[in-house]
Amino acid sequence: MNPPICLYMSMSLDGFIAGPDDRAGQELGRGGGRLFSWLDDRMSDGPSGQVFRELMATGAVISGRRTFELAGRWHGDHHDGVPIFVLTHRIDDSDVPPGSARFVTDVDDCAGRARAAAGDRAVMVHGAGAAQALLRAGLLDEMEIHLVPVLLGGGRRLFDSLGPDHIELELVRRLDGLGVMHLRYRVRGTR
């Protein structure tokens, strides 16, 4: 069985993953840092600690290009030297990504490379664009949404450009942490 490809994303109750004006120097947008307050509890034995250990145990990362750049390219290492596959529209031969990162232009190829690199561990997905591309291609298996009880009122939405297809999800786990609800969904497919 293939290891699952799983989106891990903090999101406000109104669907934003970053506040308004997300850019270099203000990567999470105005007020977007609130979405990651749950990480203050990441070293605990509680739900947020459990979820954090799971995401750190993933064997590869798929990231969208914008997320990769805003994150400072993670200095070539997202966690533990795992391979990073950056889904992008084009590759400039003079732009060599650092460390274990590689640029990939085809979503199917990207998912295949990430699964192979992850071995028997899950593949972590970062970024709205990458998540949407994987969903449209039927390649995203799970979503771990860290739902934060805040209304940001604006910014970057997770599912804004997904398209018209109806996608069925199945809630497979709910963990209540301090200031966050961790919701894991299995992607059942489009209708």
Protein backbone atom coordinates (compact mmCIF):
# COMPACT_ATOMS: atom_id res chain seq x y z
CA MET A 1 0.00 0.00 0.00
CA ASN A 2 1.22 3.50 -0.83
CA PRO A 3 1.99 5.81 2.07
CA PRO A 4 -0.70 8.49 2.41
CA ILE A 5 -0.24 11.98 1.06
CA CYS A 6 -1.60 14.23 3.81
CA LEU A 7 -2.15 17.98 3.93
CA TYR A 8 -1.22 19.52 7.29
CA MET A 9 -2.65 23.03 7.52
CA SER A 10 -3.64 25.49 10.23
CA MET A 11 -6.81 27.35 9.29
CA SER A 12 -9.12 29.96 10.78
CA LEU A 13 -12.81 29.21 11.18
CA ASP A 14 -13.51 31.42 8.14
CA GLY A 15 -11.12 29.36 5.98
CA PHE A 16 -7.94 31.44 5.93
CA ILE A 17 -4.44 29.95 6.18
CA ALA A 18 -2.72 33.35 6.26
CA GLY A 19 -3.88 36.83 7.16
CA PRO A 20 -4.10 39.72 4.71
CA ASP A 21 -0.94 40.87 2.91
CA ASP A 22 1.14 37.71 3.24
CA ARG A 23 4.54 38.37 1.71
CA ALA A 24 8.26 38.15 2.44
CA GLY A 25 8.86 39.66 5.86
CA GLN A 26 5.23 39.07 6.80
CA GLU A 27 4.92 35.45 5.74
CA LEU A 28 1.71 34.69 7.65
CA GLY A 29 0.04 37.99 6.80
CA ARG A 30 -1.40 40.41 9.32
CA GLY A 31 -2.70 38.41 12.29
CA GLY A 32 -1.88 35.08 10.66
CA GLY A 33 0.54 34.07 13.40
CA ARG A 34 -2.51 33.37 15.57
CA LEU A 35 -3.11 30.25 13.47
CA PHE A 36 0.03 28.69 14.87
CA SER A 37 -0.46 29.39 18.58
CA TRP A 38 -1.28 25.70 19.04
CA LEU A 39 2.40 24.95 18.36
CA ASP A 40 3.19 26.41 21.80
CA ASP A 41 1.81 23.09 23.09
CA ARG A 42 3.66 20.90 20.56
CA MET A 43 6.04 19.35 23.09
CA SER A 44 3.21 18.20 25.38
CA ASP A 45 1.75 14.72 25.73
CA GLY A 46 -1.62 16.20 24.72
CA PRO A 47 -3.37 16.26 21.35
CA SER A 48 -1.20 19.02 19.83
CA GLY A 49 1.94 17.16 20.85
CA GLN A 50 0.60 13.98 19.26
CA VAL A 51 -0.23 15.74 16.00
CA PHE A 52 3.13 17.50 15.94
CA ARG A 53 5.01 14.20 16.42
CA GLU A 54 2.99 12.67 13.58
CA LEU A 55 3.78 15.47 11.16
CA MET A 56 7.46 15.36 12.11
CA ALA A 57 7.48 11.61 11.38
CA THR A 58 6.57 12.12 7.72
CA GLY A 59 9.09 10.86 5.18
CA ALA A 60 8.82 13.54 2.48
CA VAL A 61 7.27 16.95 1.87
CA ILE A 62 5.32 18.31 -1.09
CA SER A 63 5.14 22.09 -1.08
CA GLY A 64 3.76 24.69 -3.38
CA ARG A 65 6.32 27.11 -4.79
CA ARG A 66 4.85 30.16 -3.04
CA THR A 67 4.86 28.43 0.34
CA PHE A 68 8.43 27.24 -0.23
CA GLU A 69 9.62 30.76 -1.03
CA LEU A 70 7.72 32.42 1.82
CA ALA A 71 9.21 29.86 4.23
CA GLY A 72 12.71 30.92 3.18
CA ARG A 73 13.02 27.60 1.35
CA TRP A 74 13.33 26.07 4.84
CA HIS A 75 17.07 26.53 4.27
CA GLY A 76 16.88 23.22 2.39
CA ASP A 77 15.64 21.15 5.34
CA HIS A 78 12.02 21.05 6.41
CA HIS A 79 12.66 18.40 9.06
CA ASP A 80 15.23 15.65 9.54
CA GLY A 81 16.62 16.00 6.01
CA VAL A 82 13.54 14.48 4.33
CA PRO A 83 13.19 15.16 0.60
CA ILE A 84 11.19 18.26 -0.32
CA PHE A 85 9.36 18.27 -3.66
CA VAL A 86 8.30 21.75 -4.72
CA LEU A 87 5.39 21.76 -7.15
CA THR A 88 5.93 24.68 -9.52
CA HIS A 89 4.74 25.84 -12.93
CA ARG A 90 8.24 26.26 -14.33
CA ILE A 91 11.85 25.55 -13.49
CA ASP A 92 14.68 27.99 -14.10
CA ASP A 93 17.88 25.95 -14.63
CA SER A 94 19.90 28.60 -12.81
CA ASP A 95 17.70 28.33 -9.70
CA VAL A 96 19.00 25.34 -7.75
CA PRO A 97 16.98 24.70 -4.59
CA PRO A 98 18.94 24.11 -1.38
CA GLY A 99 19.47 20.86 0.51
CA SER A 100 17.02 18.09 -0.15
CA ALA A 101 14.58 20.26 -2.15
CA ARG A 102 13.76 19.57 -5.80
CA PHE A 103 11.47 21.40 -8.23
CA VAL A 104 8.82 19.36 -10.08
CA THR A 105 6.32 20.67 -12.65
CA ASP A 106 3.95 17.70 -13.00
CA VAL A 107 1.59 16.89 -10.13
CA ASP A 108 1.53 13.13 -10.84
CA ASP A 109 5.32 12.98 -11.06
CA CYS A 110 5.62 15.03 -7.87
CA ALA A 111 3.30 12.71 -5.92
CA GLY A 112 5.07 9.62 -7.27
CA ARG A 113 8.52 10.91 -6.35
CA ALA A 114 7.36 11.94 -2.87
CA ARG A 115 5.74 8.55 -2.17
CA ALA A 116 8.85 6.71 -3.33
CA ALA A 117 11.10 8.90 -1.22
CA ALA A 118 8.91 8.58 1.88
CA GLY A 119 9.16 4.79 1.93
CA ASP A 120 6.55 3.53 4.36
CA ARG A 121 6.04 6.94 6.00
CA ALA A 122 3.40 9.52 5.12
CA VAL A 123 4.02 12.44 2.77
CA MET A 124 3.31 15.89 4.22
CA VAL A 125 1.76 18.58 2.01
CA HIS A 126 2.16 22.34 2.61
CA GLY A 127 0.47 25.16 0.76
CA ALA A 128 -2.93 25.89 -0.74
CA GLY A 129 -1.78 25.65 -4.36
CA ALA A 130 -0.14 22.25 -3.89
CA ALA A 131 -3.13 20.95 -1.92
CA GLN A 132 -5.57 22.08 -4.59
CA ALA A 133 -3.49 20.59 -7.42
CA LEU A 134 -3.27 17.26 -5.59
CA LEU A 135 -7.00 17.27 -4.82
CA ARG A 136 -7.91 18.03 -8.45
CA ALA A 137 -5.65 15.16 -9.57
CA GLY A 138 -7.18 12.76 -7.03
CA LEU A 139 -3.80 12.33 -5.31
CA LEU A 140 -4.45 13.81 -1.85
CA ASP A 141 -5.41 11.02 0.56
CA GLU A 142 -5.93 12.87 3.84
CA MET A 143 -6.20 16.35 5.33
CA GLU A 144 -5.17 17.23 8.87
CA ILE A 145 -6.78 20.62 9.45
CA HIS A 146 -5.75 22.45 12.60
CA LEU A 147 -8.92 24.53 13.04
CA VAL A 148 -8.26 27.61 15.15
CA PRO A 149 -11.23 29.44 16.73
CA VAL A 150 -10.57 32.82 15.16
CA LEU A 151 -12.10 34.76 12.28
CA LEU A 152 -9.28 36.45 10.36
CA GLY A 153 -11.73 38.22 8.04
CA GLY A 154 -9.33 38.22 5.10
CA GLY A 155 -6.14 36.78 3.70
CA ARG A 156 -5.34 33.61 1.79
CA ARG A 157 -7.98 30.87 1.78
CA LEU A 158 -7.12 27.20 1.60
CA PHE A 159 -9.75 26.17 -0.96
CA ASP A 160 -10.39 29.38 -2.94
CA SER A 161 -9.36 28.11 -6.39
CA LEU A 162 -10.29 24.47 -6.06
CA GLY A 163 -12.86 24.42 -8.83
CA PRO A 164 -16.46 23.28 -9.16
CA ASP A 165 -16.08 19.57 -8.38
CA HIS A 166 -17.83 18.19 -5.31
CA ILE A 167 -15.25 16.41 -3.13
CA GLU A 168 -16.42 14.05 -0.39
CA LEU A 169 -14.51 13.88 2.89
CA GLU A 170 -14.81 11.49 5.81
CA LEU A 171 -13.93 12.66 9.31
CA VAL A 172 -11.66 9.96 10.74
CA ARG A 173 -10.33 11.76 13.84
CA ARG A 174 -11.03 14.76 16.01
CA LEU A 175 -8.61 15.85 18.73
CA ASP A 176 -9.33 18.89 20.89
CA GLY A 177 -6.15 20.74 21.85
CA LEU A 178 -5.55 24.03 23.62
CA GLY A 179 -7.01 26.66 21.30
CA VAL A 180 -7.27 24.28 18.33
CA MET A 181 -9.31 21.38 17.01
CA HIS A 182 -7.26 18.90 14.98
CA LEU A 183 -9.54 17.38 12.34
CA ARG A 184 -8.33 14.54 10.15
CA TYR A 185 -10.31 13.80 7.01
CA ARG A 186 -9.93 11.02 4.48
CA VAL A 187 -10.53 12.23 0.94
CA ARG A 188 -13.17 9.96 -0.54
CA GLY A 189 -13.20 11.45 -4.02
CA THR A 190 -15.10 13.70 -6.38
CA ARG A 191 -18.67 13.38 -7.55
